[in-house]
Amino acid sequence: MLRRLSPLPRHLPRQPCCSPLVLRTLPLRSFQRALATQPPPQPQTKTQPLERRENIYTIPNALTVSRILACPAIGYFVLEGQLGTATALLFVAGVTDLVDGYVARRFNMGTVLGSILDPAADKLLMTTMVVTLAMKGMLPLPLAALILGRDVALSISAFYFRFASLPQPRTFSRYWDFSIPSAEVKPTELSKYNTALQLVLVGATTVAPLLPVDLVFPLLCLQCGPVS
C-alpha cells in the first residue's frame, strides 16, 4: 500500500528556478558585459619610413664653399688689373680644391652635396676667370664663348638630374634642402683633364704679364685644347 507524501510547509522558501536554458545563457551574458567594458580598438596608423639625410656641415664642403666665395674677389682683382693678387687667390683656390678632395677620401667625409658643389665651384671659378679675362682682352672671345657654352650646358644638366633623382615629393623647398641626397655627380676622366687644362690656361694667362719671359706660344698651345 502506497503512502501519500505530505506537501512541503508553506513557511519554507522556494528555491529559484535553475533551468538548463538559464545556466547556458549565464556565460554568454557575462561575456557580453566584459566586451561592453573594454575600450574600443584604436585604428592602426601606418608608420612612414624615415627619410635618408646626410650631414652636409663637413670640412670638405666648407673648403668648397670658401672657393665659391672667392670667385667674385678674383674677378674684381682681374678687372682692376691687380693680377698679382688675383693669381695669389687663384693659387689658394687650387690648393683648397686638392685639400677638400683629400680630406673627404681620407676621413670618409664625402657627401652627395660635396660631389655637386666641387665641380660647381670649379665651373664658377672658370666662368669668372674666362669672363673677366675676355673683358680685359687677354683671352680670345671665340674661345671664351666655347668654354662658357660647355659649362652652361653641364650646369643645366646637373640641375635637371638633381630634380629627376630627388625622392618624392618633389617640391621647391625640398629641392634646395641639400641634406636630402639625390644623384651623385661623378665627372669622367676626360672631363677632369679638360677642367685641369682650362684652369692651367686661365692661370697662365693671368700670371703671364707678371713674368719676364714671353708665354705667347705656350698660351696658344693651351688655347687649342681646353674645349676638346
Protein backbone atom coordinates (compact mmCIF):
# COMPACT_ATOMS: atom_id res chain seq x y z
CA MET A 1 0.00 0.00 0.00
CA LEU A 2 1.45 3.30 -1.15
CA ARG A 3 1.95 6.06 1.33
CA ARG A 4 0.98 9.58 0.29
CA LEU A 5 3.61 12.21 0.78
CA SER A 6 2.60 15.34 2.58
CA PRO A 7 3.27 18.71 0.83
CA LEU A 8 6.05 20.97 1.97
CA PRO A 9 5.28 23.50 4.62
CA ARG A 10 4.40 26.94 3.36
CA HIS A 11 6.92 28.69 5.58
CA LEU A 12 9.87 27.15 3.72
CA PRO A 13 11.28 29.47 0.95
CA ARG A 14 11.03 28.36 -2.58
CA GLN A 15 14.27 27.79 -4.49
CA PRO A 16 14.75 29.85 -7.67
CA CYS A 17 14.32 28.12 -10.92
CA CYS A 18 17.59 26.98 -12.39
CA SER A 19 16.63 25.50 -15.68
CA PRO A 20 19.33 24.32 -18.14
CA LEU A 21 18.44 27.19 -20.50
CA VAL A 22 19.27 29.78 -17.84
CA LEU A 23 22.50 28.04 -16.98
CA ARG A 24 23.55 28.08 -20.60
CA THR A 25 22.85 31.82 -21.04
CA LEU A 26 24.78 32.97 -17.98
CA PRO A 27 28.28 32.70 -19.53
CA LEU A 28 27.10 34.49 -22.69
CA ARG A 29 25.76 37.42 -20.70
CA SER A 30 28.98 37.64 -18.70
CA PHE A 31 30.97 37.69 -21.98
CA GLN A 32 28.76 40.46 -23.36
CA ARG A 33 29.25 42.57 -20.23
CA ALA A 34 33.04 42.08 -20.47
CA LEU A 35 33.02 43.25 -24.09
CA ALA A 36 30.96 46.30 -23.15
CA THR A 37 33.52 47.35 -20.53
CA GLN A 38 36.53 47.03 -22.87
CA PRO A 39 37.72 50.22 -24.70
CA PRO A 40 37.13 50.32 -28.46
CA PRO A 41 40.11 49.24 -30.56
CA GLN A 42 42.31 52.11 -31.77
CA PRO A 43 42.82 52.44 -35.55
CA GLN A 44 46.27 51.35 -36.65
CA THR A 45 48.36 54.06 -38.29
CA LYS A 46 50.90 53.26 -40.95
CA THR A 47 54.42 54.18 -39.93
CA GLN A 48 56.22 56.20 -42.55
CA PRO A 49 59.80 55.12 -43.32
CA LEU A 50 62.47 57.52 -42.12
CA GLU A 51 63.82 59.75 -44.85
CA ARG A 52 67.51 59.45 -45.52
CA ARG A 53 69.53 62.56 -44.72
CA GLU A 54 73.23 63.27 -44.51
CA ASN A 55 75.48 65.67 -42.64
CA ILE A 56 76.44 68.46 -45.03
CA TYR A 57 78.41 70.51 -42.49
CA THR A 58 81.80 68.96 -43.17
CA ILE A 59 85.30 70.36 -43.66
CA PRO A 60 85.46 69.48 -47.40
CA ASN A 61 82.16 71.24 -48.04
CA ALA A 62 83.35 74.29 -46.09
CA LEU A 63 86.52 74.46 -48.21
CA THR A 64 84.45 74.17 -51.37
CA VAL A 65 82.14 76.98 -50.25
CA SER A 66 85.16 79.17 -49.49
CA ARG A 67 86.36 78.60 -53.06
CA ILE A 68 82.97 79.70 -54.35
CA LEU A 69 83.03 82.84 -52.20
CA ALA A 70 86.49 83.73 -53.51
CA CYS A 71 85.31 83.88 -57.14
CA PRO A 72 83.88 87.45 -57.03
CA ALA A 73 87.07 88.74 -55.39
CA ILE A 74 89.26 87.09 -58.04
CA GLY A 75 87.15 88.57 -60.82
CA TYR A 76 87.30 92.01 -59.24
CA PHE A 77 91.12 91.98 -58.99
CA VAL A 78 91.44 90.82 -62.62
CA LEU A 79 89.23 93.66 -63.85
CA GLU A 80 91.15 96.16 -61.70
CA GLY A 81 94.45 94.98 -63.18
CA GLN A 82 95.75 93.63 -59.86
CA LEU A 83 96.91 90.39 -61.43
CA GLY A 84 99.31 89.54 -58.61
CA THR A 85 96.52 89.44 -56.03
CA ALA A 86 94.24 87.58 -58.44
CA THR A 87 96.98 85.00 -59.08
CA ALA A 88 97.53 84.51 -55.34
CA LEU A 89 93.81 83.93 -54.73
CA LEU A 90 93.67 81.59 -57.70
CA PHE A 91 96.56 79.59 -56.22
CA VAL A 92 94.79 79.37 -52.85
CA ALA A 93 91.62 78.21 -54.59
CA GLY A 94 93.58 75.48 -56.35
CA VAL A 95 95.09 74.32 -53.05
CA THR A 96 91.67 74.12 -51.37
CA ASP A 97 90.45 72.06 -54.31
CA LEU A 98 93.17 69.49 -53.63
CA VAL A 99 92.77 69.57 -49.85
CA ASP A 100 88.99 69.09 -49.75
CA GLY A 101 89.22 66.04 -52.01
CA TYR A 102 91.96 64.50 -49.87
CA VAL A 103 90.12 65.13 -46.59
CA ALA A 104 86.86 63.72 -47.98
CA ARG A 105 88.57 60.50 -49.06
CA ARG A 106 90.92 60.14 -46.07
CA PHE A 107 88.33 60.72 -43.32
CA ASN A 108 85.25 59.40 -45.14
CA MET A 109 83.56 62.82 -45.28
CA GLY A 110 82.25 62.53 -48.80
CA THR A 111 78.66 63.64 -49.34
CA VAL A 112 76.31 63.85 -52.29
CA LEU A 113 76.26 67.62 -51.83
CA GLY A 114 80.05 67.67 -51.99
CA SER A 115 80.01 65.74 -55.25
CA ILE A 116 77.79 68.51 -56.67
CA LEU A 117 79.45 71.53 -55.05
CA ASP A 118 83.02 70.61 -56.01
CA PRO A 119 82.53 70.63 -59.80
CA ALA A 120 80.13 73.58 -59.44
CA ALA A 121 82.87 75.57 -57.68
CA ASP A 122 85.31 74.70 -60.47
CA LYS A 123 82.81 75.81 -63.11
CA LEU A 124 82.06 79.05 -61.29
CA LEU A 125 85.75 79.82 -60.90
CA MET A 126 86.34 79.02 -64.56
CA THR A 127 83.40 81.17 -65.65
CA THR A 128 84.64 84.09 -63.54
CA MET A 129 88.15 83.88 -64.95
CA VAL A 130 87.06 83.43 -68.57
CA VAL A 131 84.61 86.35 -68.47
CA THR A 132 87.00 88.77 -66.78
CA LEU A 133 89.99 87.79 -68.92
CA ALA A 134 87.89 88.17 -72.08
CA MET A 135 86.71 91.58 -70.89
CA LYS A 136 90.35 92.62 -70.39
CA GLY A 137 91.23 91.39 -73.90
CA MET A 138 93.57 88.70 -72.57
CA LEU A 139 91.52 85.77 -73.90
CA PRO A 140 90.01 85.39 -77.41
CA LEU A 141 86.25 85.84 -77.48
CA PRO A 142 85.53 82.68 -79.59
CA LEU A 143 87.45 80.55 -77.10
CA ALA A 144 85.64 82.20 -74.19
CA ALA A 145 82.27 81.52 -75.85
CA LEU A 146 83.13 77.83 -76.36
CA ILE A 147 84.22 77.36 -72.74
CA LEU A 148 81.19 79.19 -71.35
CA GLY A 149 78.76 77.31 -73.60
CA ARG A 150 80.08 73.95 -72.43
CA ASP A 151 79.96 74.94 -68.77
CA VAL A 152 76.41 76.32 -69.05
CA ALA A 153 75.22 73.05 -70.67
CA LEU A 154 76.83 70.99 -67.90
CA SER A 155 75.29 73.20 -65.21
CA ILE A 156 71.79 72.88 -66.67
CA SER A 157 72.13 69.09 -66.85
CA ALA A 158 73.27 68.99 -63.20
CA PHE A 159 70.16 70.93 -62.12
CA TYR A 160 67.96 68.56 -64.12
CA PHE A 161 69.47 65.39 -62.67
CA ARG A 162 69.12 66.84 -59.17
CA PHE A 163 65.39 67.29 -59.78
CA ALA A 164 64.90 63.94 -61.52
CA SER A 165 66.62 61.93 -58.77
CA LEU A 166 65.06 63.78 -55.81
CA PRO A 167 62.88 61.45 -53.68
CA GLN A 168 59.15 62.14 -53.67
CA PRO A 169 57.55 64.59 -53.09
CA ARG A 170 59.50 66.92 -55.38
CA THR A 171 58.86 70.39 -54.00
CA PHE A 172 60.76 73.66 -54.28
CA SER A 173 61.81 73.63 -50.62
CA ARG A 174 62.98 70.01 -50.79
CA TYR A 175 64.91 70.72 -53.98
CA TRP A 176 67.07 73.27 -52.16
CA ASP A 177 67.34 71.17 -48.99
CA PHE A 178 70.80 69.75 -49.68
CA SER A 179 70.66 67.43 -46.67
CA ILE A 180 68.35 65.26 -48.81
CA PRO A 181 70.71 63.29 -51.06
CA SER A 182 69.97 62.71 -54.73
CA ALA A 183 72.04 61.53 -57.67
CA GLU A 184 75.77 61.74 -57.12
CA VAL A 185 77.80 63.61 -59.72
CA LYS A 186 80.87 61.76 -60.94
CA PRO A 187 82.81 63.50 -63.72
CA THR A 188 84.55 61.39 -66.32
CA GLU A 189 88.33 61.24 -66.67
CA LEU A 190 88.14 63.26 -69.91
CA SER A 191 86.13 65.95 -68.14
CA LYS A 192 88.71 66.09 -65.33
CA TYR A 193 91.56 66.55 -67.80
CA ASN A 194 89.61 69.18 -69.68
CA THR A 195 88.89 71.14 -66.49
CA ALA A 196 92.56 70.90 -65.47
CA LEU A 197 93.66 72.28 -68.85
CA GLN A 198 91.20 75.14 -68.57
CA LEU A 199 92.49 76.05 -65.10
CA VAL A 200 96.08 75.95 -66.35
CA LEU A 201 95.06 78.16 -69.28
CA VAL A 202 93.41 80.87 -67.17
CA GLY A 203 96.17 80.68 -64.58
CA ALA A 204 98.93 81.05 -67.16
CA THR A 205 97.03 83.87 -68.88
CA THR A 206 96.69 85.69 -65.55
CA VAL A 207 100.31 85.30 -64.48
CA ALA A 208 101.88 85.85 -67.94
CA PRO A 209 102.05 89.69 -67.67
CA LEU A 210 103.87 89.33 -64.35
CA LEU A 211 106.69 87.16 -65.72
CA PRO A 212 109.78 88.46 -67.51
CA VAL A 213 109.53 85.69 -70.17
CA ASP A 214 107.30 85.57 -73.23
CA LEU A 215 104.50 82.96 -72.90
CA VAL A 216 102.72 83.65 -76.18
CA PHE A 217 103.50 80.28 -77.78
CA PRO A 218 102.65 78.17 -74.68
CA LEU A 219 99.38 80.08 -74.32
CA LEU A 220 98.50 79.42 -77.94
CA CYS A 221 99.11 75.70 -77.38
CA LEU A 222 96.86 75.73 -74.31
CA GLN A 223 94.11 77.58 -76.16
CA CYS A 224 93.88 74.73 -78.67
CA GLY A 225 92.96 72.05 -76.13
CA PRO A 226 90.68 73.15 -73.28
CA VAL A 227 87.37 72.61 -75.11
CA SER A 228 88.19 69.35 -76.87
